[in-house]
Amino acid sequence: MNTLYSALIAPMQRTRVDVFENIFLVFLGLGTLVGIVVVAYTLYNAYKYRDTGEPAGDDEDLPSVGELPTGGKGGKKLFLSFGISAVIVISLVIWTYGMLLYVEGPDEVQETTEVEVTGEGFAWFYEYENGIEASGTLRVPAGDRVWLQVTSGDVWHNFGIPDQRVKADAIPGEYDKTWFQADEPGKSEIECFELCGEYHTSMVGTLNVMSEDEYDQWMDNQLTMQFTMVDGNESRVTEGYELTLEHQENDSIEDRSFTAEEFDNGTIKITDIEQAGQYNVTIESTNGQFETVEDQFDMTGPVDESYTLEMNESESNASEANDGGEN
């Protein structure tokens, strides 16, 4: 009864699991209570009006076979039972509706994580708000409210995390928004609850709830770029160039430049990237020795690129001329 009382008077809980467990406990408790009352009252009347083989007294108003009972004190018992039942049912409906409204649109909190989920080819794909993409495993930080935008790239699916009480339709061309919040690190299974084809049963994934530090470290590893400069002989180039990064889609991200002095033996690792997506990279010679290199890449995870710096044609001709003069 203490658990039932706590569930009834508790304020709106933080997670979907809390909400649905409270609803279950309230229905279980009230159902058990009603069952006990009904069964007890039935047994009481069965005992009270049992056949003892003795004639009933004059003050007994016992029903006879084939006749309607005339007791009930003018219908007061019936009115009382219906009145109490109505109050309980209406109160339960209002309380449950309020809890479900909270599930549909919970109060906003400061810490949120947004992920777009796409079901396609009997697999789940995830794209985070910063552009990082993953498949199979959905990684989220513990304690954050995770908002999911669920869609499909081929046929109807249904994205579900049973342990988090999450289910959302994945329909091509449409988005179904839902959320969950896991307060403790751990792993759960992700399933498809829509019969979507031959390999429906293999359309599974993993929810990995990580501590905040572990999640930040994982995300930092995803937002990493590494560039290596080599010449035509695959030897490291350590001077005479500048690398510039430009984000194609977000003008608010300033262009970043790195000179050869910032490279370590021709390699630089950039770990303070904040936004993935489409990038332009330009490598220009600072002394006219190399040809300009221009490239584009789509950053959806860690980037590791190697660029070959070709000698400038005029520099190459001059070098050949010098070599010929020496010979």
C-alpha atoms as a PDB file:
ATOM      1  CA  MET A   1       0.000   0.000   0.000  1.00  0.00           C
ATOM      2  CA  ASN A   2       2.938   2.357   0.636  1.00  0.00           C
ATOM      3  CA  THR A   3       4.121   1.850  -2.942  1.00  0.00           C
ATOM      4  CA  LEU A   4       0.636   2.534  -4.299  1.00  0.00           C
ATOM      5  CA  TYR A   5       0.320   5.640  -2.135  1.00  0.00           C
ATOM      6  CA  SER A   6       3.703   6.940  -3.315  1.00  0.00           C
ATOM      7  CA  ALA A   7       2.750   6.383  -6.950  1.00  0.00           C
ATOM      8  CA  LEU A   8      -0.529   8.252  -6.513  1.00  0.00           C
ATOM      9  CA  ILE A   9       0.881  11.328  -4.815  1.00  0.00           C
ATOM     10  CA  ALA A  10       4.279  11.477  -6.569  1.00  0.00           C
ATOM     11  CA  PRO A  11       4.861  14.418  -8.928  1.00  0.00           C
ATOM     12  CA  MET A  12       5.460  13.801 -12.604  1.00  0.00           C
ATOM     13  CA  GLN A  13       8.464  11.537 -12.915  1.00  0.00           C
ATOM     14  CA  ARG A  14      11.519  12.120 -15.059  1.00  0.00           C
ATOM     15  CA  THR A  15      11.576   9.043 -17.275  1.00  0.00           C
ATOM     16  CA  ARG A  16       9.114   7.070 -19.359  1.00  0.00           C
ATOM     17  CA  VAL A  17       9.951   3.978 -17.316  1.00  0.00           C
ATOM     18  CA  ASP A  18       8.912   5.769 -14.110  1.00  0.00           C
ATOM     19  CA  VAL A  19       5.620   6.894 -15.653  1.00  0.00           C
ATOM     20  CA  PHE A  20       4.570   3.515 -17.000  1.00  0.00           C
ATOM     21  CA  GLU A  21       5.664   1.681 -13.850  1.00  0.00           C
ATOM     22  CA  ASN A  22       3.559   4.070 -11.765  1.00  0.00           C
ATOM     23  CA  ILE A  23       0.538   3.535 -14.016  1.00  0.00           C
ATOM     24  CA  PHE A  24       1.020  -0.226 -13.770  1.00  0.00           C
ATOM     25  CA  LEU A  25       1.325  -0.117  -9.960  1.00  0.00           C
ATOM     26  CA  VAL A  26      -1.801   2.023  -9.581  1.00  0.00           C
ATOM     27  CA  PHE A  27      -3.892  -0.230 -11.829  1.00  0.00           C
ATOM     28  CA  LEU A  28      -2.502  -3.329 -10.144  1.00  0.00           C
ATOM     29  CA  GLY A  29      -3.167  -1.953  -6.663  1.00  0.00           C
ATOM     30  CA  LEU A  30      -6.704  -0.726  -7.360  1.00  0.00           C
ATOM     31  CA  GLY A  31      -7.549  -3.879  -9.304  1.00  0.00           C
ATOM     32  CA  THR A  32      -6.356  -6.008  -6.415  1.00  0.00           C
ATOM     33  CA  LEU A  33      -8.284  -3.897  -3.915  1.00  0.00           C
ATOM     34  CA  VAL A  34     -11.519  -4.082  -5.945  1.00  0.00           C
ATOM     35  CA  GLY A  35     -11.051  -7.807  -6.414  1.00  0.00           C
ATOM     36  CA  ILE A  36     -10.608  -8.334  -2.680  1.00  0.00           C
ATOM     37  CA  VAL A  37     -13.731  -6.280  -1.868  1.00  0.00           C
ATOM     38  CA  VAL A  38     -15.884  -8.070  -4.463  1.00  0.00           C
ATOM     39  CA  VAL A  39     -14.737 -11.550  -3.489  1.00  0.00           C
ATOM     40  CA  ALA A  40     -15.071 -10.770   0.225  1.00  0.00           C
ATOM     41  CA  TYR A  41     -18.586  -9.363  -0.199  1.00  0.00           C
ATOM     42  CA  THR A  42     -19.592 -12.384  -2.308  1.00  0.00           C
ATOM     43  CA  LEU A  43     -18.299 -14.792   0.311  1.00  0.00           C
ATOM     44  CA  TYR A  44     -20.030 -12.798   3.054  1.00  0.00           C
ATOM     45  CA  ASN A  45     -23.406 -13.024   1.301  1.00  0.00           C
ATOM     46  CA  ALA A  46     -22.875 -16.684   0.482  1.00  0.00           C
ATOM     47  CA  TYR A  47     -22.288 -17.363   4.153  1.00  0.00           C
ATOM     48  CA  LYS A  48     -25.085 -15.085   5.374  1.00  0.00           C
ATOM     49  CA  TYR A  49     -27.716 -16.586   3.099  1.00  0.00           C
ATOM     50  CA  ARG A  50     -26.539 -20.179   3.210  1.00  0.00           C
ATOM     51  CA  ASP A  51     -29.118 -22.931   3.529  1.00  0.00           C
ATOM     52  CA  THR A  52     -29.051 -24.055   7.143  1.00  0.00           C
ATOM     53  CA  GLY A  53     -32.171 -26.196   6.892  1.00  0.00           C
ATOM     54  CA  GLU A  54     -33.964 -23.995   9.419  1.00  0.00           C
ATOM     55  CA  PRO A  55     -36.945 -21.743   8.630  1.00  0.00           C
ATOM     56  CA  ALA A  56     -36.084 -18.078   8.195  1.00  0.00           C
ATOM     57  CA  GLY A  57     -37.271 -15.568  10.781  1.00  0.00           C
ATOM     58  CA  ASP A  58     -40.036 -13.076  10.092  1.00  0.00           C
ATOM     59  CA  ASP A  59     -37.573 -10.200   9.866  1.00  0.00           C
ATOM     60  CA  GLU A  60     -35.506 -11.909   7.162  1.00  0.00           C
ATOM     61  CA  ASP A  61     -36.090 -10.563   3.684  1.00  0.00           C
ATOM     62  CA  LEU A  62     -34.754 -13.519   1.741  1.00  0.00           C
ATOM     63  CA  PRO A  63     -35.244 -13.840  -2.022  1.00  0.00           C
ATOM     64  CA  SER A  64     -37.315 -16.759  -3.248  1.00  0.00           C
ATOM     65  CA  VAL A  65     -36.677 -18.775  -6.350  1.00  0.00           C
ATOM     66  CA  GLY A  66     -38.186 -16.987  -9.355  1.00  0.00           C
ATOM     67  CA  GLU A  67     -38.630 -13.656  -7.522  1.00  0.00           C
ATOM     68  CA  LEU A  68     -36.581 -10.470  -7.673  1.00  0.00           C
ATOM     69  CA  PRO A  69     -34.906  -9.504  -4.402  1.00  0.00           C
ATOM     70  CA  THR A  70     -36.646  -6.678  -2.578  1.00  0.00           C
ATOM     71  CA  GLY A  71     -33.821  -5.746  -0.152  1.00  0.00           C
ATOM     72  CA  GLY A  72     -31.180  -3.070  -0.537  1.00  0.00           C
ATOM     73  CA  LYS A  73     -32.753  -0.434   1.692  1.00  0.00           C
ATOM     74  CA  GLY A  74     -34.488   1.392  -1.090  1.00  0.00           C
ATOM     75  CA  GLY A  75     -31.575   1.270  -3.518  1.00  0.00           C
ATOM     76  CA  LYS A  76     -29.099   3.030  -1.226  1.00  0.00           C
ATOM     77  CA  LYS A  77     -26.551   0.244  -1.478  1.00  0.00           C
ATOM     78  CA  LEU A  78     -26.786   0.237  -5.271  1.00  0.00           C
ATOM     79  CA  PHE A  79     -26.470   4.022  -5.456  1.00  0.00           C
ATOM     80  CA  LEU A  80     -23.513   4.004  -3.055  1.00  0.00           C
ATOM     81  CA  SER A  81     -21.659   1.266  -4.938  1.00  0.00           C
ATOM     82  CA  PHE A  82     -22.197   2.947  -8.328  1.00  0.00           C
ATOM     83  CA  GLY A  83     -21.198   6.343  -6.901  1.00  0.00           C
ATOM     84  CA  ILE A  84     -17.946   5.075  -5.405  1.00  0.00           C
ATOM     85  CA  SER A  85     -17.138   3.160  -8.598  1.00  0.00           C
ATOM     86  CA  ALA A  86     -17.754   6.248 -10.742  1.00  0.00           C
ATOM     87  CA  VAL A  87     -15.497   8.421  -8.577  1.00  0.00           C
ATOM     88  CA  ILE A  88     -12.697   5.847  -8.690  1.00  0.00           C
ATOM     89  CA  VAL A  89     -12.959   5.302 -12.461  1.00  0.00           C
ATOM     90  CA  ILE A  90     -13.159   9.007 -13.356  1.00  0.00           C
ATOM     91  CA  SER A  91     -10.264   9.874 -11.036  1.00  0.00           C
ATOM     92  CA  LEU A  92      -8.204   7.050 -12.521  1.00  0.00           C
ATOM     93  CA  VAL A  93      -8.934   8.166 -16.083  1.00  0.00           C
ATOM     94  CA  ILE A  94      -7.980  11.807 -15.335  1.00  0.00           C
ATOM     95  CA  TRP A  95      -4.781  10.821 -13.534  1.00  0.00           C
ATOM     96  CA  THR A  96      -3.742   8.375 -16.268  1.00  0.00           C
ATOM     97  CA  TYR A  97      -4.503  10.919 -18.995  1.00  0.00           C
ATOM     98  CA  GLY A  98      -2.303  13.470 -17.232  1.00  0.00           C
ATOM     99  CA  MET A  99       0.564  10.973 -16.987  1.00  0.00           C
ATOM    100  CA  LEU A 100       0.258  10.101 -20.690  1.00  0.00           C
ATOM    101  CA  LEU A 101       0.224  13.797 -21.606  1.00  0.00           C
ATOM    102  CA  TYR A 102       3.534  14.085 -19.796  1.00  0.00           C
ATOM    103  CA  VAL A 103       4.892  11.175 -21.853  1.00  0.00           C
ATOM    104  CA  GLU A 104       3.772  12.853 -25.083  1.00  0.00           C
ATOM    105  CA  GLY A 105       5.227  16.252 -24.189  1.00  0.00           C
ATOM    106  CA  PRO A 106       7.413  16.364 -21.074  1.00  0.00           C
ATOM    107  CA  ASP A 107       8.709  19.581 -19.577  1.00  0.00           C
ATOM    108  CA  GLU A 108      11.837  20.852 -21.284  1.00  0.00           C
ATOM    109  CA  VAL A 109      15.143  20.339 -19.512  1.00  0.00           C
ATOM    110  CA  GLN A 110      18.538  21.913 -20.096  1.00  0.00           C
ATOM    111  CA  GLU A 111      20.478  18.796 -21.051  1.00  0.00           C
ATOM    112  CA  THR A 112      19.073  17.180 -24.204  1.00  0.00           C
ATOM    113  CA  THR A 113      20.485  15.032 -26.977  1.00  0.00           C
ATOM    114  CA  GLU A 114      18.856  14.890 -30.418  1.00  0.00           C
ATOM    115  CA  VAL A 115      19.255  11.925 -32.748  1.00  0.00           C
ATOM    116  CA  GLU A 116      17.660  11.150 -36.108  1.00  0.00           C
ATOM    117  CA  VAL A 117      16.916   7.424 -36.454  1.00  0.00           C
ATOM    118  CA  THR A 118      16.477   5.825 -39.875  1.00  0.00           C
ATOM    119  CA  GLY A 119      15.415   2.238 -40.465  1.00  0.00           C
ATOM    120  CA  GLU A 120      16.639   0.890 -43.780  1.00  0.00           C
ATOM    121  CA  GLY A 121      17.843  -2.406 -45.164  1.00  0.00           C
ATOM    122  CA  PHE A 122      17.017  -4.270 -41.924  1.00  0.00           C
ATOM    123  CA  ALA A 123      19.333  -2.040 -39.883  1.00  0.00           C
ATOM    124  CA  TRP A 124      19.138   1.129 -37.781  1.00  0.00           C
ATOM    125  CA  PHE A 125      21.180   4.223 -38.599  1.00  0.00           C
ATOM    126  CA  TYR A 126      21.668   7.213 -36.293  1.00  0.00           C
ATOM    127  CA  GLU A 127      22.641  10.807 -37.041  1.00  0.00           C
ATOM    128  CA  TYR A 128      23.450  13.128 -34.135  1.00  0.00           C
ATOM    129  CA  GLU A 129      22.691  16.835 -34.160  1.00  0.00           C
ATOM    130  CA  ASN A 130      26.351  17.659 -34.767  1.00  0.00           C
ATOM    131  CA  GLY A 131      26.419  15.516 -37.927  1.00  0.00           C
ATOM    132  CA  ILE A 132      28.114  12.407 -36.532  1.00  0.00           C
ATOM    133  CA  GLU A 133      26.600   9.174 -37.856  1.00  0.00           C
ATOM    134  CA  ALA A 134      26.555   5.637 -36.491  1.00  0.00           C
ATOM    135  CA  SER A 135      24.824   2.339 -37.153  1.00  0.00           C
ATOM    136  CA  GLY A 136      23.881  -0.609 -35.006  1.00  0.00           C
ATOM    137  CA  THR A 137      24.677   0.980 -31.643  1.00  0.00           C
ATOM    138  CA  LEU A 138      22.956   4.106 -30.339  1.00  0.00           C
ATOM    139  CA  ARG A 139      25.209   5.794 -27.776  1.00  0.00           C
ATOM    140  CA  VAL A 140      23.677   8.354 -25.405  1.00  0.00           C
ATOM    141  CA  PRO A 141      24.772  10.012 -22.146  1.00  0.00           C
ATOM    142  CA  ALA A 142      23.165   8.930 -18.878  1.00  0.00           C
ATOM    143  CA  GLY A 143      20.856  11.531 -17.366  1.00  0.00           C
ATOM    144  CA  ASP A 144      20.193  13.410 -20.613  1.00  0.00           C
ATOM    145  CA  ARG A 145      16.757  13.498 -22.222  1.00  0.00           C
ATOM    146  CA  VAL A 146      17.190  11.948 -25.663  1.00  0.00           C
ATOM    147  CA  TRP A 147      14.831  13.144 -28.404  1.00  0.00           C
ATOM    148  CA  LEU A 148      14.461  10.824 -31.373  1.00  0.00           C
ATOM    149  CA  GLN A 149      13.234  11.733 -34.862  1.00  0.00           C
ATOM    150  CA  VAL A 150      12.324   8.356 -36.359  1.00  0.00           C
ATOM    151  CA  THR A 151      11.846   7.708 -40.075  1.00  0.00           C
ATOM    152  CA  SER A 152      12.472   5.030 -42.704  1.00  0.00           C
ATOM    153  CA  GLY A 153      14.417   4.886 -45.933  1.00  0.00           C
ATOM    154  CA  ASP A 154      12.532   2.012 -47.536  1.00  0.00           C
ATOM    155  CA  VAL A 155       9.464   0.315 -45.978  1.00  0.00           C
ATOM    156  CA  TRP A 156       7.503   0.639 -42.742  1.00  0.00           C
ATOM    157  CA  HIS A 157       9.410  -0.228 -39.588  1.00  0.00           C
ATOM    158  CA  ASN A 158       8.786   0.336 -35.890  1.00  0.00           C
ATOM    159  CA  PHE A 159      11.660   1.445 -33.675  1.00  0.00           C
ATOM    160  CA  GLY A 160      11.471   0.110 -30.139  1.00  0.00           C
ATOM    161  CA  ILE A 161      13.561  -0.017 -26.962  1.00  0.00           C
ATOM    162  CA  PRO A 162      11.570  -2.248 -24.585  1.00  0.00           C
ATOM    163  CA  ASP A 163      13.673  -1.442 -21.509  1.00  0.00           C
ATOM    164  CA  GLN A 164      12.994   2.282 -22.002  1.00  0.00           C
ATOM    165  CA  ARG A 165       9.295   1.843 -22.951  1.00  0.00           C
ATOM    166  CA  VAL A 166       9.971   3.446 -26.351  1.00  0.00           C
ATOM    167  CA  LYS A 167       8.125   2.657 -29.585  1.00  0.00           C
ATOM    168  CA  ALA A 168       7.850   4.860 -32.669  1.00  0.00           C
ATOM    169  CA  ASP A 169       6.689   4.225 -36.232  1.00  0.00           C
ATOM    170  CA  ALA A 170       9.377   4.529 -38.912  1.00  0.00           C
ATOM    171  CA  ILE A 171       7.509   5.549 -42.081  1.00  0.00           C
ATOM    172  CA  PRO A 172       9.164   6.692 -45.349  1.00  0.00           C
ATOM    173  CA  GLY A 173       8.823  10.444 -45.781  1.00  0.00           C
ATOM    174  CA  GLU A 174       7.480  11.028 -42.265  1.00  0.00           C
ATOM    175  CA  TYR A 175       9.009  11.650 -38.836  1.00  0.00           C
ATOM    176  CA  ASP A 176       7.702  10.317 -35.536  1.00  0.00           C
ATOM    177  CA  LYS A 177       9.123  12.187 -32.541  1.00  0.00           C
ATOM    178  CA  THR A 178       9.609  10.476 -29.200  1.00  0.00           C
ATOM    179  CA  TRP A 179      11.991  10.567 -26.244  1.00  0.00           C
ATOM    180  CA  PHE A 180      13.487   8.647 -23.370  1.00  0.00           C
ATOM    181  CA  GLN A 181      15.834   9.261 -20.482  1.00  0.00           C
ATOM    182  CA  ALA A 182      18.109   6.662 -18.924  1.00  0.00           C
ATOM    183  CA  ASP A 183      19.650   7.669 -15.612  1.00  0.00           C
ATOM    184  CA  GLU A 184      22.019   4.724 -15.233  1.00  0.00           C
ATOM    185  CA  PRO A 185      24.727   3.465 -17.644  1.00  0.00           C
ATOM    186  CA  GLY A 186      24.055   0.117 -19.271  1.00  0.00           C
ATOM    187  CA  LYS A 187      23.061  -1.618 -22.477  1.00  0.00           C
ATOM    188  CA  SER A 188      19.615  -2.462 -23.861  1.00  0.00           C
ATOM    189  CA  GLU A 189      18.342  -4.121 -27.009  1.00  0.00           C
ATOM    190  CA  ILE A 190      16.776  -2.186 -29.878  1.00  0.00           C
ATOM    191  CA  GLU A 191      14.209  -4.053 -31.972  1.00  0.00           C
ATOM    192  CA  CYS A 192      11.882  -3.592 -34.915  1.00  0.00           C
ATOM    193  CA  PHE A 193       8.227  -4.198 -34.012  1.00  0.00           C
ATOM    194  CA  GLU A 194       6.862  -4.026 -37.570  1.00  0.00           C
ATOM    195  CA  LEU A 195       6.961  -7.067 -39.862  1.00  0.00           C
ATOM    196  CA  CYS A 196       9.142  -5.458 -42.528  1.00  0.00           C
ATOM    197  CA  GLY A 197      10.483  -8.308 -44.630  1.00  0.00           C
ATOM    198  CA  GLU A 198      12.523 -11.476 -44.788  1.00  0.00           C
ATOM    199  CA  TYR A 199      15.177 -10.363 -42.281  1.00  0.00           C
ATOM    200  CA  HIS A 200      12.837  -8.595 -39.869  1.00  0.00           C
ATOM    201  CA  THR A 201      14.011 -10.653 -36.884  1.00  0.00           C
ATOM    202  CA  SER A 202      17.631  -9.644 -37.489  1.00  0.00           C
ATOM    203  CA  MET A 203      16.801  -5.912 -37.459  1.00  0.00           C
ATOM    204  CA  VAL A 204      18.188  -5.342 -33.992  1.00  0.00           C
ATOM    205  CA  GLY A 205      20.605  -2.903 -32.408  1.00  0.00           C
ATOM    206  CA  THR A 206      22.048  -1.870 -29.074  1.00  0.00           C
ATOM    207  CA  LEU A 207      21.370   1.108 -26.860  1.00  0.00           C
ATOM    208  CA  ASN A 208      24.560   1.954 -24.984  1.00  0.00           C
ATOM    209  CA  VAL A 209      23.914   4.392 -22.135  1.00  0.00           C
ATOM    210  CA  MET A 210      27.312   5.801 -21.186  1.00  0.00           C
ATOM    211  CA  SER A 211      28.496   7.938 -18.322  1.00  0.00           C
ATOM    212  CA  GLU A 212      28.823  11.596 -19.249  1.00  0.00           C
ATOM    213  CA  ASP A 213      32.635  11.452 -19.336  1.00  0.00           C
ATOM    214  CA  GLU A 214      32.672   8.295 -21.470  1.00  0.00           C
ATOM    215  CA  TYR A 215      30.134   9.761 -23.879  1.00  0.00           C
ATOM    216  CA  ASP A 216      32.069  13.026 -24.210  1.00  0.00           C
ATOM    217  CA  GLN A 217      35.253  11.062 -24.891  1.00  0.00           C
ATOM    218  CA  TRP A 218      33.523   8.936 -27.536  1.00  0.00           C
ATOM    219  CA  MET A 219      32.054  12.006 -29.227  1.00  0.00           C
ATOM    220  CA  ASP A 220      35.420  13.796 -29.140  1.00  0.00           C
ATOM    221  CA  ASN A 221      36.963  10.776 -30.872  1.00  0.00           C
ATOM    222  CA  GLN A 222      34.314  10.996 -33.595  1.00  0.00           C
ATOM    223  CA  LEU A 223      34.991  14.716 -34.079  1.00  0.00           C
ATOM    224  CA  THR A 224      38.656  14.208 -34.951  1.00  0.00           C
ATOM    225  CA  MET A 225      40.515  15.048 -38.163  1.00  0.00           C
ATOM    226  CA  GLN A 226      44.005  13.872 -39.049  1.00  0.00           C
ATOM    227  CA  PHE A 227      45.903  15.028 -42.135  1.00  0.00           C
ATOM    228  CA  THR A 228      49.260  13.830 -43.442  1.00  0.00           C
ATOM    229  CA  MET A 229      51.345  15.537 -46.152  1.00  0.00           C
ATOM    230  CA  VAL A 230      53.631  13.433 -48.350  1.00  0.00           C
ATOM    231  CA  ASP A 231      55.513  13.973 -51.575  1.00  0.00           C
ATOM    232  CA  GLY A 232      55.600  11.803 -54.676  1.00  0.00           C
ATOM    233  CA  ASN A 233      57.994   9.406 -52.980  1.00  0.00           C
ATOM    234  CA  GLU A 234      55.667   8.963 -49.960  1.00  0.00           C
ATOM    235  CA  SER A 235      58.061  10.894 -47.777  1.00  0.00           C
ATOM    236  CA  ARG A 236      56.656  13.294 -45.190  1.00  0.00           C
ATOM    237  CA  VAL A 237      56.584  16.972 -46.160  1.00  0.00           C
ATOM    238  CA  THR A 238      57.293  19.182 -43.179  1.00  0.00           C
ATOM    239  CA  GLU A 239      57.437  22.739 -44.546  1.00  0.00           C
ATOM    240  CA  GLY A 240      56.214  25.133 -47.193  1.00  0.00           C
ATOM    241  CA  TYR A 241      52.409  24.777 -47.048  1.00  0.00           C
ATOM    242  CA  GLU A 242      49.228  25.899 -45.276  1.00  0.00           C
ATOM    243  CA  LEU A 243      46.026  23.874 -44.815  1.00  0.00           C
ATOM    244  CA  THR A 244      42.629  25.601 -44.653  1.00  0.00           C
ATOM    245  CA  LEU A 245      39.326  24.011 -43.556  1.00  0.00           C
ATOM    246  CA  GLU A 246      35.960  25.449 -44.623  1.00  0.00           C
ATOM    247  CA  HIS A 247      32.556  24.097 -43.566  1.00  0.00           C
ATOM    248  CA  GLN A 248      30.241  23.993 -46.590  1.00  0.00           C
ATOM    249  CA  GLU A 249      26.877  24.062 -44.808  1.00  0.00           C
ATOM    250  CA  ASN A 250      27.339  26.272 -41.736  1.00  0.00           C
ATOM    251  CA  ASP A 251      28.532  29.814 -42.393  1.00  0.00           C
ATOM    252  CA  SER A 252      28.765  30.516 -38.656  1.00  0.00           C
ATOM    253  CA  ILE A 253      31.753  28.163 -38.415  1.00  0.00           C
ATOM    254  CA  GLU A 254      34.852  30.193 -39.152  1.00  0.00           C
ATOM    255  CA  ASP A 255      37.473  28.931 -41.587  1.00  0.00           C
ATOM    256  CA  ARG A 256      40.531  27.482 -39.887  1.00  0.00           C
ATOM    257  CA  SER A 257      44.088  27.497 -41.180  1.00  0.00           C
ATOM    258  CA  PHE A 258      47.128  25.496 -40.079  1.00  0.00           C
ATOM    259  CA  THR A 259      50.695  26.177 -41.175  1.00  0.00           C
ATOM    260  CA  ALA A 260      53.357  23.541 -41.670  1.00  0.00           C
ATOM    261  CA  GLU A 261      54.921  24.542 -38.346  1.00  0.00           C
ATOM    262  CA  GLU A 262      51.819  23.242 -36.560  1.00  0.00           C
ATOM    263  CA  PHE A 263      52.284  19.792 -38.121  1.00  0.00           C
ATOM    264  CA  ASP A 264      54.287  17.095 -36.384  1.00  0.00           C
ATOM    265  CA  ASN A 265      56.506  15.441 -38.984  1.00  0.00           C
ATOM    266  CA  GLY A 266      53.982  16.200 -41.709  1.00  0.00           C
ATOM    267  CA  THR A 267      50.929  15.106 -39.674  1.00  0.00           C
ATOM    268  CA  ILE A 268      48.394  17.161 -37.747  1.00  0.00           C
ATOM    269  CA  LYS A 269      45.565  15.867 -35.556  1.00  0.00           C
ATOM    270  CA  ILE A 270      42.697  18.292 -34.942  1.00  0.00           C
ATOM    271  CA  THR A 271      40.600  17.360 -31.911  1.00  0.00           C
ATOM    272  CA  ASP A 272      38.556  20.494 -31.253  1.00  0.00           C
ATOM    273  CA  ILE A 273      36.022  20.083 -34.077  1.00  0.00           C
ATOM    274  CA  GLU A 274      32.466  20.987 -33.021  1.00  0.00           C
ATOM    275  CA  GLN A 275      30.423  20.199 -36.137  1.00  0.00           C
ATOM    276  CA  ALA A 276      30.655  17.347 -38.628  1.00  0.00           C
ATOM    277  CA  GLY A 277      29.335  17.555 -42.187  1.00  0.00           C
ATOM    278  CA  GLN A 278      30.672  18.676 -45.563  1.00  0.00           C
ATOM    279  CA  TYR A 279      34.106  20.286 -45.503  1.00  0.00           C
ATOM    280  CA  ASN A 280      36.343  21.884 -48.110  1.00  0.00           C
ATOM    281  CA  VAL A 281      40.073  21.480 -47.593  1.00  0.00           C
ATOM    282  CA  THR A 282      42.648  23.611 -49.403  1.00  0.00           C
ATOM    283  CA  ILE A 283      46.391  23.127 -49.200  1.00  0.00           C
ATOM    284  CA  GLU A 284      48.418  26.007 -50.585  1.00  0.00           C
ATOM    285  CA  SER A 285      52.145  26.407 -50.893  1.00  0.00           C
ATOM    286  CA  THR A 286      53.618  29.260 -48.872  1.00  0.00           C
ATOM    287  CA  ASN A 287      56.742  29.478 -51.010  1.00  0.00           C
ATOM    288  CA  GLY A 288      55.409  28.540 -54.431  1.00  0.00           C
ATOM    289  CA  GLN A 289      57.027  25.126 -54.281  1.00  0.00           C
ATOM    290  CA  PHE A 290      53.852  22.960 -54.450  1.00  0.00           C
ATOM    291  CA  GLU A 291      50.720  22.833 -56.539  1.00  0.00           C
ATOM    292  CA  THR A 292      47.517  23.861 -54.735  1.00  0.00           C
ATOM    293  CA  VAL A 293      45.434  20.892 -53.526  1.00  0.00           C
ATOM    294  CA  GLU A 294      41.642  21.179 -53.187  1.00  0.00           C
ATOM    295  CA  ASP A 295      39.406  18.442 -51.811  1.00  0.00           C
ATOM    296  CA  GLN A 296      35.970  17.851 -50.289  1.00  0.00           C
ATOM    297  CA  PHE A 297      34.887  15.249 -47.759  1.00  0.00           C
ATOM    298  CA  ASP A 298      31.829  14.403 -45.696  1.00  0.00           C
ATOM    299  CA  MET A 299      32.718  14.081 -42.055  1.00  0.00           C
ATOM    300  CA  THR A 300      30.399  11.592 -40.335  1.00  0.00           C
ATOM    301  CA  GLY A 301      33.051  10.186 -38.028  1.00  0.00           C
ATOM    302  CA  PRO A 302      36.826  10.302 -37.530  1.00  0.00           C
ATOM    303  CA  VAL A 303      38.685  11.590 -40.602  1.00  0.00           C
ATOM    304  CA  ASP A 304      42.158  10.386 -41.580  1.00  0.00           C
ATOM    305  CA  GLU A 305      43.362  11.777 -44.916  1.00  0.00           C
ATOM    306  CA  SER A 306      46.722  11.749 -46.661  1.00  0.00           C
ATOM    307  CA  TYR A 307      47.552  14.255 -49.413  1.00  0.00           C
ATOM    308  CA  THR A 308      50.346  14.119 -51.953  1.00  0.00           C
ATOM    309  CA  LEU A 309      51.951  17.512 -52.597  1.00  0.00           C
ATOM    310  CA  GLU A 310      53.071  17.770 -56.217  1.00  0.00           C
ATOM    311  CA  MET A 311      55.942  20.029 -57.106  1.00  0.00           C
ATOM    312  CA  ASN A 312      55.004  23.257 -58.864  1.00  0.00           C
ATOM    313  CA  GLU A 313      55.743  22.960 -62.579  1.00  0.00           C
ATOM    314  CA  SER A 314      58.032  25.978 -62.661  1.00  0.00           C
ATOM    315  CA  GLU A 315      59.861  24.782 -59.564  1.00  0.00           C
ATOM    316  CA  SER A 316      60.148  21.331 -61.081  1.00  0.00           C
ATOM    317  CA  ASN A 317      61.609  22.736 -64.316  1.00  0.00           C
ATOM    318  CA  ALA A 318      64.033  24.871 -62.356  1.00  0.00           C
ATOM    319  CA  SER A 319      65.113  21.871 -60.338  1.00  0.00           C
ATOM    320  CA  GLU A 320      65.644  19.823 -63.501  1.00  0.00           C
ATOM    321  CA  ALA A 321      67.629  22.659 -65.065  1.00  0.00           C
ATOM    322  CA  ASN A 322      69.853  22.863 -61.990  1.00  0.00           C
ATOM    323  CA  ASP A 323      70.366  19.140 -62.078  1.00  0.00           C
ATOM    324  CA  GLY A 324      71.298  19.356 -65.777  1.00  0.00           C
ATOM    325  CA  GLY A 325      73.749  22.191 -65.145  1.00  0.00           C
ATOM    326  CA  GLU A 326      75.459  20.228 -62.408  1.00  0.00           C
ATOM    327  CA  ASN A 327      75.750  17.235 -64.685  1.00  0.00           C
END
